N, C-alpha and C. Protein backbone atom coordinates (compact mmCIF):
# COMPACT_ATOMS: atom_id res chain seq x y z
N MET A 1 117.87 88.49 102.79
CA MET A 1 117.11 89.27 101.80
C MET A 1 117.61 90.75 101.66
N SER A 2 117.66 91.27 100.54
CA SER A 2 118.23 92.63 100.27
C SER A 2 117.29 93.37 101.00
N THR A 3 117.53 94.53 101.14
CA THR A 3 116.93 96.00 101.64
C THR A 3 115.70 96.17 100.86
N GLY A 4 115.68 96.07 99.58
CA GLY A 4 114.64 96.15 98.42
C GLY A 4 113.61 95.20 98.83
N GLY A 5 113.87 93.86 99.10
CA GLY A 5 113.14 92.96 99.38
C GLY A 5 112.49 93.12 100.78
N GLN A 6 113.11 93.50 101.92
CA GLN A 6 112.59 93.74 103.06
C GLN A 6 111.42 94.97 102.98
N LEU A 7 111.69 95.76 102.13
CA LEU A 7 110.99 97.09 101.75
C LEU A 7 109.78 96.73 101.19
N ILE A 8 109.56 95.59 100.55
CA ILE A 8 108.37 95.17 99.94
C ILE A 8 107.66 94.37 100.82
N VAL A 9 108.15 93.54 101.60
CA VAL A 9 107.65 92.96 102.61
C VAL A 9 106.73 93.78 103.95
N ALA A 10 107.76 95.00 104.06
CA ALA A 10 107.08 96.07 104.74
C ALA A 10 105.92 96.68 104.47
N LEU A 11 105.93 97.06 103.24
CA LEU A 11 104.85 97.68 102.28
C LEU A 11 103.67 96.74 102.09
N VAL A 12 103.90 95.56 101.91
CA VAL A 12 102.63 94.41 101.92
C VAL A 12 102.15 94.66 103.44
N MET A 13 103.00 94.52 104.45
CA MET A 13 102.31 94.40 105.88
C MET A 13 101.57 95.60 105.88
N LEU A 14 102.03 96.77 105.54
CA LEU A 14 101.35 98.16 105.80
C LEU A 14 100.00 98.11 105.10
N VAL A 15 100.02 97.47 103.92
CA VAL A 15 98.51 97.41 103.20
C VAL A 15 97.77 96.42 103.82
N GLY A 16 98.50 95.35 104.66
CA GLY A 16 97.66 94.61 105.19
C GLY A 16 97.09 95.29 106.35
N LEU A 17 97.50 96.00 107.25
CA LEU A 17 97.07 96.79 108.35
C LEU A 17 95.98 97.69 107.71
N VAL A 18 96.08 98.17 106.36
CA VAL A 18 94.91 99.17 105.95
C VAL A 18 93.65 98.02 105.85
N GLY A 19 93.77 97.00 105.37
CA GLY A 19 92.91 96.09 105.01
C GLY A 19 92.44 95.65 106.31
N VAL A 20 92.92 95.52 107.43
CA VAL A 20 92.14 95.19 108.48
C VAL A 20 91.01 95.97 108.97
N VAL A 21 91.12 97.43 108.69
CA VAL A 21 90.34 98.37 108.78
C VAL A 21 89.27 98.55 107.74
N VAL A 22 89.73 98.70 106.50
CA VAL A 22 88.91 98.95 105.31
C VAL A 22 88.89 97.44 104.65
N PRO A 23 87.55 96.81 104.69
CA PRO A 23 87.20 95.61 104.34
C PRO A 23 87.47 94.98 102.83
N VAL A 24 88.06 95.72 102.26
CA VAL A 24 88.62 95.41 100.78
C VAL A 24 89.81 94.21 100.79
N LEU A 25 90.52 94.39 101.40
CA LEU A 25 91.66 93.30 101.26
C LEU A 25 91.67 92.51 102.56
N PRO A 26 92.22 91.27 102.49
CA PRO A 26 92.38 90.36 103.49
C PRO A 26 93.52 90.66 104.31
N GLY A 27 93.26 91.82 105.15
CA GLY A 27 94.30 92.60 105.95
C GLY A 27 95.23 91.57 106.83
N LEU A 28 94.89 90.83 107.58
CA LEU A 28 95.75 89.88 108.36
C LEU A 28 96.33 88.81 107.62
N VAL A 29 95.58 88.43 106.72
CA VAL A 29 96.44 87.47 105.99
C VAL A 29 97.60 87.78 105.09
N LEU A 30 97.24 89.22 104.59
CA LEU A 30 98.48 89.77 103.83
C LEU A 30 99.46 90.19 104.72
N VAL A 31 99.54 90.54 106.11
CA VAL A 31 100.68 90.66 107.20
C VAL A 31 101.22 89.31 107.55
N TRP A 32 100.31 88.41 107.71
CA TRP A 32 101.03 87.13 107.99
C TRP A 32 101.61 86.42 106.99
N GLY A 33 100.98 86.44 105.89
CA GLY A 33 101.65 85.89 104.55
C GLY A 33 102.88 86.61 104.09
N ALA A 34 103.17 87.85 104.48
CA ALA A 34 104.56 88.39 103.93
C ALA A 34 105.61 88.24 104.93
N GLY A 35 104.98 88.01 106.18
CA GLY A 35 106.06 87.71 107.14
C GLY A 35 106.74 86.22 106.93
N VAL A 36 105.80 85.08 106.99
CA VAL A 36 106.08 83.91 106.51
C VAL A 36 106.99 83.84 105.13
N LEU A 37 106.46 84.59 104.18
CA LEU A 37 107.24 84.57 102.96
C LEU A 37 108.48 84.94 103.32
N TRP A 38 108.75 86.22 103.94
CA TRP A 38 109.99 86.69 104.19
C TRP A 38 111.06 85.41 104.69
N ALA A 39 110.39 85.00 106.02
CA ALA A 39 110.99 83.91 106.40
C ALA A 39 111.54 82.71 105.76
N TRP A 40 110.50 82.50 104.60
CA TRP A 40 111.02 81.06 103.87
C TRP A 40 112.10 81.64 102.75
N LEU A 41 111.83 83.09 102.24
CA LEU A 41 112.46 83.38 101.04
C LEU A 41 113.86 83.59 101.40
N ASP A 42 113.89 84.02 102.93
CA ASP A 42 115.35 84.68 103.63
C ASP A 42 116.12 83.39 103.81
N GLY A 43 115.87 82.30 103.58
CA GLY A 43 116.78 80.99 103.95
C GLY A 43 116.33 80.49 105.26
N GLY A 44 115.34 80.95 105.82
CA GLY A 44 114.90 79.90 107.23
C GLY A 44 115.77 80.25 108.19
N GLY A 45 116.27 79.46 108.85
CA GLY A 45 116.81 79.52 110.12
C GLY A 45 116.01 79.89 111.28
N SER A 46 116.44 79.17 112.49
CA SER A 46 115.57 79.22 113.70
C SER A 46 115.01 80.70 114.39
N LEU A 47 115.73 81.62 114.18
CA LEU A 47 115.11 82.86 114.33
C LEU A 47 114.06 83.21 113.40
N ARG A 48 114.18 83.03 112.01
CA ARG A 48 113.25 83.25 111.02
C ARG A 48 112.05 82.35 111.17
N TRP A 49 112.12 81.35 111.48
CA TRP A 49 111.29 80.07 111.44
C TRP A 49 110.51 80.65 112.90
N GLY A 50 111.06 81.00 113.95
CA GLY A 50 110.51 81.27 115.47
C GLY A 50 109.57 82.45 115.06
N SER A 51 110.07 83.57 114.36
CA SER A 51 109.17 84.48 114.12
C SER A 51 107.91 84.06 113.23
N ALA A 52 108.05 83.30 112.19
CA ALA A 52 106.98 82.96 111.46
C ALA A 52 105.95 82.27 112.45
N LEU A 53 106.51 81.19 113.46
CA LEU A 53 105.42 80.52 114.28
C LEU A 53 104.83 81.63 114.85
N VAL A 54 105.41 82.68 115.81
CA VAL A 54 104.92 83.77 116.39
C VAL A 54 103.71 84.36 115.61
N LEU A 55 103.94 84.74 113.96
CA LEU A 55 103.14 85.29 113.31
C LEU A 55 101.96 84.32 113.04
N THR A 56 102.26 83.11 112.96
CA THR A 56 101.21 82.26 112.74
C THR A 56 100.44 82.26 113.98
N LEU A 57 100.80 82.08 115.22
CA LEU A 57 99.87 81.70 116.48
C LEU A 57 99.32 83.12 116.66
N LEU A 58 99.79 84.46 116.47
CA LEU A 58 99.12 85.54 116.42
C LEU A 58 97.69 85.71 115.58
N PHE A 59 98.22 85.14 114.31
CA PHE A 59 97.05 85.04 113.01
C PHE A 59 95.96 84.20 113.65
N VAL A 60 96.19 83.10 114.06
CA VAL A 60 95.07 82.24 114.53
C VAL A 60 94.14 82.77 115.59
N ALA A 61 94.93 82.93 116.53
CA ALA A 61 94.22 83.65 117.81
C ALA A 61 93.66 84.84 117.71
N ALA A 62 94.18 85.75 116.75
CA ALA A 62 93.20 86.90 116.10
C ALA A 62 91.86 86.50 115.46
N THR A 63 92.11 85.73 114.68
CA THR A 63 90.83 85.05 113.71
C THR A 63 89.95 84.22 114.43
N VAL A 64 90.26 83.32 115.19
CA VAL A 64 89.37 82.65 115.98
C VAL A 64 88.41 83.74 117.02
N VAL A 65 89.33 84.76 117.59
CA VAL A 65 88.35 85.71 118.51
C VAL A 65 87.60 86.40 117.77
N THR A 66 87.97 86.90 116.56
CA THR A 66 87.13 87.95 115.72
C THR A 66 86.03 87.10 115.31
N TYR A 67 86.01 85.64 115.28
CA TYR A 67 84.82 85.28 114.62
C TYR A 67 83.85 84.56 116.28
N LEU A 68 84.53 84.60 116.84
CA LEU A 68 83.68 84.20 118.35
C LEU A 68 83.17 85.55 118.94
N LEU A 69 83.57 86.71 118.94
CA LEU A 69 82.95 87.81 119.80
C LEU A 69 81.57 88.04 119.18
N PRO A 70 81.38 88.24 117.87
CA PRO A 70 79.82 88.41 117.45
C PRO A 70 78.86 87.30 117.85
N ALA A 71 79.41 86.02 117.62
CA ALA A 71 78.59 85.13 118.23
C ALA A 71 78.14 85.00 119.70
N ARG A 72 79.23 85.16 120.42
CA ARG A 72 78.84 85.26 121.79
C ARG A 72 77.98 86.58 122.06
N SER A 73 78.69 87.67 121.53
CA SER A 73 77.84 88.67 121.95
C SER A 73 76.24 88.92 121.71
N ALA A 74 76.19 88.23 120.16
CA ALA A 74 74.38 87.94 119.89
C ALA A 74 73.80 86.89 120.72
N ALA A 75 74.68 86.04 121.22
CA ALA A 75 73.83 85.10 121.85
C ALA A 75 73.65 86.00 123.20
N ALA A 76 74.46 86.51 123.75
CA ALA A 76 74.43 87.45 125.15
C ALA A 76 73.05 87.98 125.02
N ALA A 77 72.77 88.98 123.71
CA ALA A 77 71.75 89.65 123.69
C ALA A 77 70.41 88.81 123.10
N GLY A 78 70.69 87.72 122.99
CA GLY A 78 69.30 86.78 123.10
C GLY A 78 69.13 86.12 121.72
N ALA A 79 70.19 86.68 120.68
CA ALA A 79 69.76 86.07 119.42
C ALA A 79 70.40 84.64 118.94
N PRO A 80 69.52 83.92 118.52
CA PRO A 80 69.68 82.57 118.17
C PRO A 80 70.98 82.43 117.12
N ARG A 81 71.39 81.06 116.81
CA ARG A 81 72.49 80.75 116.01
C ARG A 81 71.82 81.04 114.84
N THR A 82 70.72 80.67 114.43
CA THR A 82 70.13 80.82 113.02
C THR A 82 70.23 82.40 112.56
N THR A 83 70.05 83.21 113.55
CA THR A 83 70.46 84.84 113.05
C THR A 83 71.68 84.99 112.73
N LEU A 84 72.59 84.14 113.38
CA LEU A 84 74.20 84.38 112.94
C LEU A 84 74.13 83.80 111.58
N LEU A 85 73.90 82.75 111.28
CA LEU A 85 73.95 81.99 110.13
C LEU A 85 73.55 83.09 108.87
N LEU A 86 72.10 83.31 109.28
CA LEU A 86 71.84 84.40 108.16
C LEU A 86 72.37 85.67 108.23
N GLY A 87 73.12 86.06 108.98
CA GLY A 87 73.97 87.31 109.03
C GLY A 87 75.52 86.94 108.30
N GLY A 88 75.81 85.90 108.31
CA GLY A 88 76.88 85.14 107.50
C GLY A 88 76.53 85.26 105.98
N VAL A 89 75.30 84.72 105.82
CA VAL A 89 74.69 84.70 104.36
C VAL A 89 74.57 86.04 103.80
N GLY A 90 73.97 87.08 104.59
CA GLY A 90 74.02 88.24 104.04
C GLY A 90 75.46 89.05 103.84
N ALA A 91 76.38 88.41 104.75
CA ALA A 91 77.53 89.33 104.43
C ALA A 91 78.25 88.71 103.10
N VAL A 92 77.81 87.46 102.72
CA VAL A 92 78.50 87.11 101.55
C VAL A 92 77.67 87.55 100.52
N VAL A 93 76.39 87.77 100.61
CA VAL A 93 75.63 88.16 99.38
C VAL A 93 75.91 89.76 99.32
N GLY A 94 76.17 90.53 100.40
CA GLY A 94 76.61 91.81 100.31
C GLY A 94 78.14 92.15 99.76
N PHE A 95 78.83 91.08 99.98
CA PHE A 95 80.00 91.26 99.43
C PHE A 95 79.98 91.45 97.65
N PHE A 96 79.05 90.65 97.22
CA PHE A 96 78.87 90.65 95.87
C PHE A 96 78.33 91.88 95.18
N VAL A 97 77.16 92.05 96.22
CA VAL A 97 76.03 93.28 95.80
C VAL A 97 76.89 94.76 95.79
N LEU A 98 77.31 95.08 96.72
CA LEU A 98 78.13 96.16 96.92
C LEU A 98 79.75 95.79 97.32
N PRO A 99 80.60 95.81 96.20
CA PRO A 99 81.90 95.28 96.31
C PRO A 99 82.66 95.71 97.51
N VAL A 100 82.76 97.09 97.75
CA VAL A 100 83.65 97.60 98.82
C VAL A 100 83.01 97.32 100.43
N VAL A 101 81.73 97.85 100.73
CA VAL A 101 81.46 97.70 101.90
C VAL A 101 80.33 96.77 102.21
N GLY A 102 80.21 96.02 100.99
CA GLY A 102 78.93 95.02 101.13
C GLY A 102 79.11 93.92 102.41
N PHE A 103 80.16 93.46 102.64
CA PHE A 103 80.33 92.62 103.64
C PHE A 103 79.81 92.75 104.88
N PRO A 104 80.34 93.91 105.67
CA PRO A 104 79.68 94.36 106.83
C PRO A 104 78.50 94.69 106.78
N VAL A 105 77.82 95.47 105.81
CA VAL A 105 76.82 95.95 105.72
C VAL A 105 75.46 94.92 105.44
N GLY A 106 76.02 93.88 104.51
CA GLY A 106 74.80 92.88 104.11
C GLY A 106 74.71 91.87 105.34
N GLY A 107 75.93 91.82 106.17
CA GLY A 107 76.00 90.91 107.36
C GLY A 107 75.13 91.63 108.35
N VAL A 108 75.13 92.86 108.69
CA VAL A 108 74.36 93.60 109.86
C VAL A 108 73.01 93.49 109.32
N LEU A 109 72.78 94.07 108.04
CA LEU A 109 71.54 94.16 107.91
C LEU A 109 70.51 92.78 107.72
N ALA A 110 71.28 91.68 107.56
CA ALA A 110 70.84 90.26 107.55
C ALA A 110 70.34 89.66 109.07
N VAL A 111 71.25 90.42 110.06
CA VAL A 111 70.91 90.07 111.31
C VAL A 111 69.87 90.72 111.64
N TRP A 112 69.93 92.04 111.44
CA TRP A 112 68.56 93.10 112.06
C TRP A 112 67.52 92.52 111.37
N LEU A 113 67.39 91.97 109.83
CA LEU A 113 66.21 91.59 109.40
C LEU A 113 65.82 90.12 109.86
N ALA A 114 66.72 89.48 110.23
CA ALA A 114 66.27 88.13 111.03
C ALA A 114 65.53 88.33 112.39
N GLU A 115 66.38 89.25 112.97
CA GLU A 115 65.87 89.59 114.34
C GLU A 115 64.37 90.15 114.28
N VAL A 116 64.42 91.29 113.42
CA VAL A 116 62.73 91.66 113.04
C VAL A 116 61.62 90.68 112.80
N ALA A 117 62.21 89.82 111.86
CA ALA A 117 61.37 88.56 111.80
C ALA A 117 61.00 87.69 112.82
N ARG A 118 61.84 87.63 113.59
CA ARG A 118 61.81 86.46 114.79
C ARG A 118 61.16 87.41 115.90
N LEU A 119 61.37 88.65 116.36
CA LEU A 119 60.85 89.46 117.22
C LEU A 119 59.48 90.06 117.17
N GLY A 120 59.51 90.23 115.90
CA GLY A 120 58.20 91.11 115.23
C GLY A 120 58.23 92.53 115.26
N ALA A 121 59.35 92.99 115.70
CA ALA A 121 59.54 94.64 115.88
C ALA A 121 60.76 94.98 115.65
N ALA A 122 61.03 96.20 115.23
CA ALA A 122 62.38 96.71 114.99
C ALA A 122 63.29 97.09 116.23
N GLY A 123 62.62 97.60 117.14
CA GLY A 123 63.32 98.05 118.34
C GLY A 123 63.85 96.83 119.19
N PRO A 124 63.23 95.91 119.62
CA PRO A 124 63.79 95.06 120.30
C PRO A 124 65.26 94.18 119.40
N ALA A 125 64.82 94.10 117.75
CA ALA A 125 66.01 93.61 117.16
C ALA A 125 67.14 94.39 117.23
N TRP A 126 66.98 95.83 117.09
CA TRP A 126 68.23 96.67 117.48
C TRP A 126 69.15 96.24 118.56
N VAL A 127 68.72 95.82 119.40
CA VAL A 127 69.41 95.34 120.84
C VAL A 127 70.41 94.27 120.15
N SER A 128 70.09 93.29 119.73
CA SER A 128 71.05 92.09 119.14
C SER A 128 71.89 92.78 118.30
N THR A 129 71.18 93.43 117.08
CA THR A 129 72.15 93.92 116.19
C THR A 129 73.08 94.92 116.64
N ARG A 130 72.74 95.62 117.64
CA ARG A 130 73.62 96.59 118.18
C ARG A 130 74.80 95.65 118.79
N ALA A 131 74.56 94.71 119.61
CA ALA A 131 75.59 93.59 119.93
C ALA A 131 76.32 93.46 119.08
N VAL A 132 75.93 92.88 118.08
CA VAL A 132 76.80 92.06 116.90
C VAL A 132 77.80 93.62 116.34
N LEU A 133 76.99 94.52 116.12
CA LEU A 133 77.89 95.76 115.54
C LEU A 133 79.38 96.19 116.37
N VAL A 134 78.79 95.91 117.95
CA VAL A 134 79.89 96.26 118.80
C VAL A 134 81.06 95.33 118.57
N ALA A 135 80.32 94.03 118.71
CA ALA A 135 81.36 92.58 118.61
C ALA A 135 82.25 92.71 117.57
N ILE A 136 81.77 93.14 116.20
CA ILE A 136 82.34 93.50 114.95
C ILE A 136 83.49 94.57 115.14
N GLY A 137 83.07 95.51 116.15
CA GLY A 137 84.24 96.67 116.17
C GLY A 137 85.63 95.87 116.96
N LEU A 138 84.94 95.48 118.22
CA LEU A 138 86.17 94.81 118.86
C LEU A 138 86.88 93.92 117.98
N GLY A 139 86.12 92.94 117.19
CA GLY A 139 87.11 92.28 116.35
C GLY A 139 88.15 92.89 115.48
N ILE A 140 87.68 93.86 114.97
CA ILE A 140 88.59 94.83 113.95
C ILE A 140 89.61 95.47 114.89
N LEU A 141 89.42 95.83 116.22
CA LEU A 141 90.52 96.35 117.37
C LEU A 141 91.39 95.17 117.60
N VAL A 142 90.87 93.92 117.65
CA VAL A 142 91.81 92.75 118.04
C VAL A 142 92.57 92.36 116.94
N GLN A 143 91.92 92.52 115.85
CA GLN A 143 92.87 92.19 114.41
C GLN A 143 93.97 93.03 114.09
N LEU A 144 93.54 94.33 114.19
CA LEU A 144 94.60 95.48 114.27
C LEU A 144 95.70 95.49 115.18
N ALA A 145 95.29 94.74 116.42
CA ALA A 145 96.37 94.87 117.40
C ALA A 145 97.33 93.50 117.13
N ALA A 146 96.67 92.60 116.72
CA ALA A 146 97.62 91.46 116.35
C ALA A 146 98.18 91.78 115.25
N GLY A 147 97.70 92.53 114.24
CA GLY A 147 98.60 92.96 113.12
C GLY A 147 99.78 93.59 113.30
N LEU A 148 99.60 94.67 114.19
CA LEU A 148 100.61 95.53 114.97
C LEU A 148 101.57 94.54 115.41
N ALA A 149 101.17 93.54 116.27
CA ALA A 149 102.23 92.71 117.08
C ALA A 149 102.82 91.95 116.01
N MET A 150 102.15 91.45 114.74
CA MET A 150 103.00 90.84 113.88
C MET A 150 103.89 91.26 113.11
N VAL A 151 103.71 92.84 112.71
CA VAL A 151 104.83 93.83 112.33
C VAL A 151 105.86 93.90 113.15
N GLY A 152 105.61 93.99 114.40
CA GLY A 152 106.63 94.55 115.32
C GLY A 152 107.37 93.01 115.77
N THR A 153 106.64 91.87 115.47
CA THR A 153 107.73 90.84 115.67
C THR A 153 108.61 90.62 114.42
N TRP A 154 108.06 90.59 113.12
CA TRP A 154 108.86 90.92 111.96
C TRP A 154 110.02 91.78 111.95
N LEU A 155 109.47 93.04 112.56
CA LEU A 155 110.66 94.05 112.56
C LEU A 155 111.96 93.76 113.36
N ALA A 156 111.16 93.19 114.47
CA ALA A 156 112.49 92.53 115.64
C ALA A 156 113.41 91.54 114.88
N ALA A 157 112.77 90.84 114.15
CA ALA A 157 113.52 89.50 113.56
C ALA A 157 114.39 90.18 112.39
N VAL A 158 113.80 91.09 111.87
CA VAL A 158 114.77 91.69 110.71
C VAL A 158 115.96 92.48 111.39
N LEU A 159 115.85 93.39 112.31
CA LEU A 159 117.05 94.22 113.35
C LEU A 159 117.89 93.31 113.54
N VAL A 160 117.60 91.94 114.35
CA VAL A 160 118.19 90.93 115.11
C VAL A 160 119.11 90.45 114.34
N THR A 161 118.95 90.07 113.00
CA THR A 161 119.48 89.39 111.73
C THR A 161 120.30 90.18 111.08
């Protein structure tokens, strides 16, 4: 792949890293997709496909952890699965109502409202909502670390070839 092509891959990965923190873009998907596309378009080979495999494993692991953290954290705070399901519905609705920040806002608001309805008071509902917020923040950190590891893997493969 030409230097210009590699620069485009690097820029897409950089945009992906920004997308991990700013919930407008599918951040980790962009980082992973750019790396796998590079391996494919650059003619493959064991080093390129090996790096694509590492990128895929990092992507899958980070995605699983990102979705498991809020569920486990909310359960530990006493919230039932229905609260998390309603949080997911709220996130989807929020995504369409408030295009840029609606996904996290809608999800957290739905969790809080579900807990207020379940517990009958705002104070106790905040405990489980805060646990979900902390877990979402940790999930973002996990995705950012995985994204940086993916970029590092790709960069090492580029430098070796």
